[in-house]
Amino acid sequence: MTQEELNQIRDRAIRKRVDLEERIAEYRELTKPIPPSEAIGRVSRMDAINNRSVNEAALRQLETELDQLDKAMDRMRDEKYGKCMRCGQEIPAGRLMLMPGAMRCVQCA
């Protein structure tokens, strides 16, 4: 992998991190508890509880993705970044552009 490719991947990872942080903030807002004092009706409250569960699952997934991206950005300082953790072959730059946190090549994934 060339230094230019690595810089492009790093820039893409930084933009993706900002996007993830914004989405996490949105989901945290959506998963705030609904106070019992708020009169929304029984059926609406059940829908809100269900929606909250779905949003909490999405929030956990985004937080995991952010954690993996942070780890990948730490690995970018290392010579091992861009090499498959399983077979040792170079991971194509296109795959890393789409998934900066990829630790395996397509064949091993």
Protein backbone atom coordinates (compact mmCIF):
# COMPACT_ATOMS: atom_id res chain seq x y z
CA MET A 1 0.00 0.00 0.00
CA THR A 2 1.35 3.39 -0.94
CA GLN A 3 1.51 6.34 1.45
CA GLU A 4 -1.02 8.18 -0.75
CA GLU A 5 -3.51 5.29 -0.44
CA LEU A 6 -2.98 5.19 3.31
CA ASN A 7 -3.61 8.94 3.54
CA GLN A 8 -6.82 8.58 1.53
CA ILE A 9 -7.98 5.74 3.78
CA ARG A 10 -7.10 7.76 6.89
CA ASP A 11 -9.06 10.77 5.57
CA ARG A 12 -12.03 8.52 4.79
CA ALA A 13 -11.83 7.00 8.28
CA ILE A 14 -11.81 10.45 9.89
CA ARG A 15 -14.91 11.48 7.92
CA LYS A 16 -16.61 8.21 8.80
CA ARG A 17 -15.78 8.73 12.49
CA VAL A 18 -17.40 12.18 12.47
CA ASP A 19 -20.49 10.70 10.80
CA LEU A 20 -20.67 7.89 13.35
CA GLU A 21 -20.36 10.32 16.26
CA GLU A 22 -23.24 12.40 14.86
CA ARG A 23 -25.42 9.33 14.37
CA ILE A 24 -24.60 8.07 17.87
CA ALA A 25 -25.65 11.43 19.33
CA GLU A 26 -28.96 11.20 17.42
CA TYR A 27 -29.64 7.67 18.65
CA ARG A 28 -28.76 8.60 22.23
CA GLU A 29 -31.41 11.29 22.01
CA LEU A 30 -33.92 8.79 20.61
CA THR A 31 -33.26 6.28 23.38
CA LYS A 32 -33.88 8.61 26.28
CA PRO A 33 -36.58 7.26 28.59
CA ILE A 34 -40.12 8.56 28.23
CA PRO A 35 -41.24 9.98 31.56
CA PRO A 36 -44.43 8.42 32.92
CA SER A 37 -45.79 11.90 33.48
CA GLU A 38 -45.86 12.49 29.71
CA ALA A 39 -49.39 11.73 28.52
CA ILE A 40 -49.10 9.91 25.21
CA GLY A 41 -51.63 7.11 25.62
CA ARG A 42 -51.17 3.43 26.31
CA VAL A 43 -50.80 2.25 22.70
CA SER A 44 -48.51 5.14 21.81
CA ARG A 45 -46.39 4.39 24.88
CA MET A 46 -46.09 0.74 23.78
CA ASP A 47 -45.01 1.88 20.31
CA ALA A 48 -42.50 4.27 21.87
CA ILE A 49 -41.06 1.48 24.03
CA ASN A 50 -40.76 -0.79 20.98
CA ASN A 51 -39.11 1.97 18.94
CA ARG A 52 -36.74 2.65 21.80
CA SER A 53 -35.64 -1.00 21.82
CA VAL A 54 -34.92 -0.88 18.10
CA ASN A 55 -33.02 2.38 18.50
CA GLU A 56 -30.98 0.97 21.41
CA ALA A 57 -29.91 -1.97 19.23
CA ALA A 58 -28.89 0.43 16.45
CA LEU A 59 -27.00 2.56 18.98
CA ARG A 60 -25.05 -0.46 20.25
CA GLN A 61 -24.16 -1.40 16.67
CA LEU A 62 -22.92 2.13 15.90
CA GLU A 63 -20.87 2.23 19.11
CA THR A 64 -19.26 -1.09 18.16
CA GLU A 65 -18.51 0.23 14.67
CA LEU A 66 -16.95 3.37 16.16
CA ASP A 67 -14.80 1.27 18.50
CA GLN A 68 -13.58 -0.87 15.58
CA LEU A 69 -12.84 2.24 13.55
CA ASP A 70 -10.82 3.75 16.42
CA LYS A 71 -8.80 0.54 16.69
CA ALA A 72 -8.21 0.59 12.92
CA MET A 73 -7.01 4.19 13.10
CA ASP A 74 -4.55 3.15 15.82
CA ARG A 75 -3.34 0.28 13.61
CA MET A 76 -2.74 2.71 10.71
CA ARG A 77 0.41 3.84 12.55
CA ASP A 78 1.65 0.25 12.42
CA GLU A 79 3.17 -1.52 9.42
CA LYS A 80 0.67 -4.34 9.85
CA TYR A 81 -2.28 -2.17 8.80
CA GLY A 82 -3.64 -3.31 5.46
CA LYS A 83 -2.45 -6.88 5.88
CA CYS A 84 -4.88 -9.73 6.52
CA MET A 85 -4.72 -10.89 10.13
CA ARG A 86 -5.35 -14.46 9.00
CA CYS A 87 -3.31 -15.08 5.85
CA GLY A 88 -0.95 -12.08 5.86
CA GLN A 89 -1.82 -11.02 2.30
CA GLU A 90 -2.35 -7.35 1.50
CA ILE A 91 -5.97 -6.19 1.77
CA PRO A 92 -6.96 -4.26 -1.38
CA ALA A 93 -7.04 -0.48 -0.89
CA GLY A 94 -10.61 -0.37 -2.27
CA ARG A 95 -11.81 -2.64 0.53
CA LEU A 96 -10.05 -0.52 3.12
CA MET A 97 -11.59 2.64 1.64
CA LEU A 98 -15.05 1.16 2.15
CA MET A 99 -14.26 -0.57 5.42
CA PRO A 100 -11.24 1.09 7.10
CA GLY A 101 -11.62 -1.31 10.03
CA ALA A 102 -11.29 -4.44 7.86
CA MET A 103 -8.78 -6.82 9.38
CA ARG A 104 -9.17 -9.64 6.85
CA CYS A 105 -9.05 -9.93 3.08
CA VAL A 106 -12.19 -10.91 1.18
CA GLN A 107 -11.17 -14.59 1.00
CA CYS A 108 -10.61 -14.86 4.76
CA ALA A 109 -13.56 -12.71 5.84
